[in-house]
């Protein structure tokens, strides 16, 4: 069985968490990332900042 790579071609108009209408920039970001349709606020909560991953935690 061949597996094809699937990409998003369309995205919902609203955030999957809060239901707010997504801006054009937010919709474009969802298409590029292939992730869930999230507004900027919820995308920031879901996806950790790359700078935070590189910085050691204070406990270390």
C-alpha atoms as a PDB file:
ATOM      1  CA  UNK A   1       0.000   0.000   0.000  1.00  0.00           C
ATOM      2  CA  UNK A   2       1.451   3.382  -0.988  1.00  0.00           C
ATOM      3  CA  UNK A   3       1.248   6.196   1.478  1.00  0.00           C
ATOM      4  CA  UNK A   4       0.895   9.651   0.028  1.00  0.00           C
ATOM      5  CA  UNK A   5       1.983  12.799   1.775  1.00  0.00           C
ATOM      6  CA  UNK A   6      -1.069  14.891   2.566  1.00  0.00           C
ATOM      7  CA  UNK A   7      -1.007  18.639   2.945  1.00  0.00           C
ATOM      8  CA  UNK A   8      -3.653  21.057   4.075  1.00  0.00           C
ATOM      9  CA  UNK A   9      -5.184  22.966   1.208  1.00  0.00           C
ATOM     10  CA  UNK A  10      -7.900  24.707   3.164  1.00  0.00           C
ATOM     11  CA  UNK A  11      -8.262  25.747   6.752  1.00  0.00           C
ATOM     12  CA  UNK A  12     -11.247  26.572   8.920  1.00  0.00           C
ATOM     13  CA  UNK A  13     -12.310  30.167   9.464  1.00  0.00           C
ATOM     14  CA  UNK A  14     -12.340  29.933  13.250  1.00  0.00           C
ATOM     15  CA  UNK A  15     -10.021  28.909  16.082  1.00  0.00           C
ATOM     16  CA  UNK A  16     -10.614  25.320  17.189  1.00  0.00           C
ATOM     17  CA  UNK A  17     -10.302  26.347  20.850  1.00  0.00           C
ATOM     18  CA  UNK A  18     -12.199  29.613  21.276  1.00  0.00           C
ATOM     19  CA  UNK A  19     -14.090  29.997  18.002  1.00  0.00           C
ATOM     20  CA  UNK A  20     -12.749  33.468  17.161  1.00  0.00           C
ATOM     21  CA  UNK A  21     -12.510  34.253  13.439  1.00  0.00           C
ATOM     22  CA  UNK A  22      -8.952  33.714  12.139  1.00  0.00           C
ATOM     23  CA  UNK A  23      -7.118  36.485  10.322  1.00  0.00           C
ATOM     24  CA  UNK A  24      -5.600  35.889   6.898  1.00  0.00           C
ATOM     25  CA  UNK A  25      -2.129  35.730   8.498  1.00  0.00           C
ATOM     26  CA  UNK A  26      -3.312  33.141  11.034  1.00  0.00           C
ATOM     27  CA  UNK A  27      -4.875  31.021   8.276  1.00  0.00           C
ATOM     28  CA  UNK A  28      -1.641  31.216   6.266  1.00  0.00           C
ATOM     29  CA  UNK A  29       0.373  30.129   9.311  1.00  0.00           C
ATOM     30  CA  UNK A  30      -1.911  27.105   9.752  1.00  0.00           C
ATOM     31  CA  UNK A  31      -1.487  26.139   6.101  1.00  0.00           C
ATOM     32  CA  UNK A  32       2.306  26.441   6.329  1.00  0.00           C
ATOM     33  CA  UNK A  33       2.626  24.528   9.597  1.00  0.00           C
ATOM     34  CA  UNK A  34       0.001  21.895   8.841  1.00  0.00           C
ATOM     35  CA  UNK A  35      -1.182  22.290  12.413  1.00  0.00           C
ATOM     36  CA  UNK A  36      -4.575  22.843  13.946  1.00  0.00           C
ATOM     37  CA  UNK A  37      -6.552  26.012  13.177  1.00  0.00           C
ATOM     38  CA  UNK A  38      -5.659  28.200  16.155  1.00  0.00           C
ATOM     39  CA  UNK A  39      -5.768  31.931  16.755  1.00  0.00           C
ATOM     40  CA  UNK A  40      -2.504  33.680  17.635  1.00  0.00           C
ATOM     41  CA  UNK A  41      -3.231  33.477  21.376  1.00  0.00           C
ATOM     42  CA  UNK A  42      -3.915  29.742  21.390  1.00  0.00           C
ATOM     43  CA  UNK A  43      -1.115  28.968  18.927  1.00  0.00           C
ATOM     44  CA  UNK A  44       1.330  30.633  21.338  1.00  0.00           C
ATOM     45  CA  UNK A  45      -0.001  28.468  24.173  1.00  0.00           C
ATOM     46  CA  UNK A  46       0.147  25.246  22.138  1.00  0.00           C
ATOM     47  CA  UNK A  47       3.503  25.701  20.438  1.00  0.00           C
ATOM     48  CA  UNK A  48       6.470  26.460  22.693  1.00  0.00           C
ATOM     49  CA  UNK A  49       8.767  29.258  21.600  1.00  0.00           C
ATOM     50  CA  UNK A  50      12.012  28.031  20.002  1.00  0.00           C
ATOM     51  CA  UNK A  51      14.003  30.361  22.286  1.00  0.00           C
ATOM     52  CA  UNK A  52      12.508  28.660  25.338  1.00  0.00           C
ATOM     53  CA  UNK A  53      13.659  25.252  24.050  1.00  0.00           C
ATOM     54  CA  UNK A  54      17.251  26.478  23.668  1.00  0.00           C
ATOM     55  CA  UNK A  55      17.471  28.111  27.095  1.00  0.00           C
ATOM     56  CA  UNK A  56      18.274  25.895  30.085  1.00  0.00           C
ATOM     57  CA  UNK A  57      15.640  25.776  32.784  1.00  0.00           C
ATOM     58  CA  UNK A  58      16.435  27.526  36.099  1.00  0.00           C
ATOM     59  CA  UNK A  59      16.309  24.197  37.957  1.00  0.00           C
ATOM     60  CA  UNK A  60      19.273  22.849  36.020  1.00  0.00           C
END
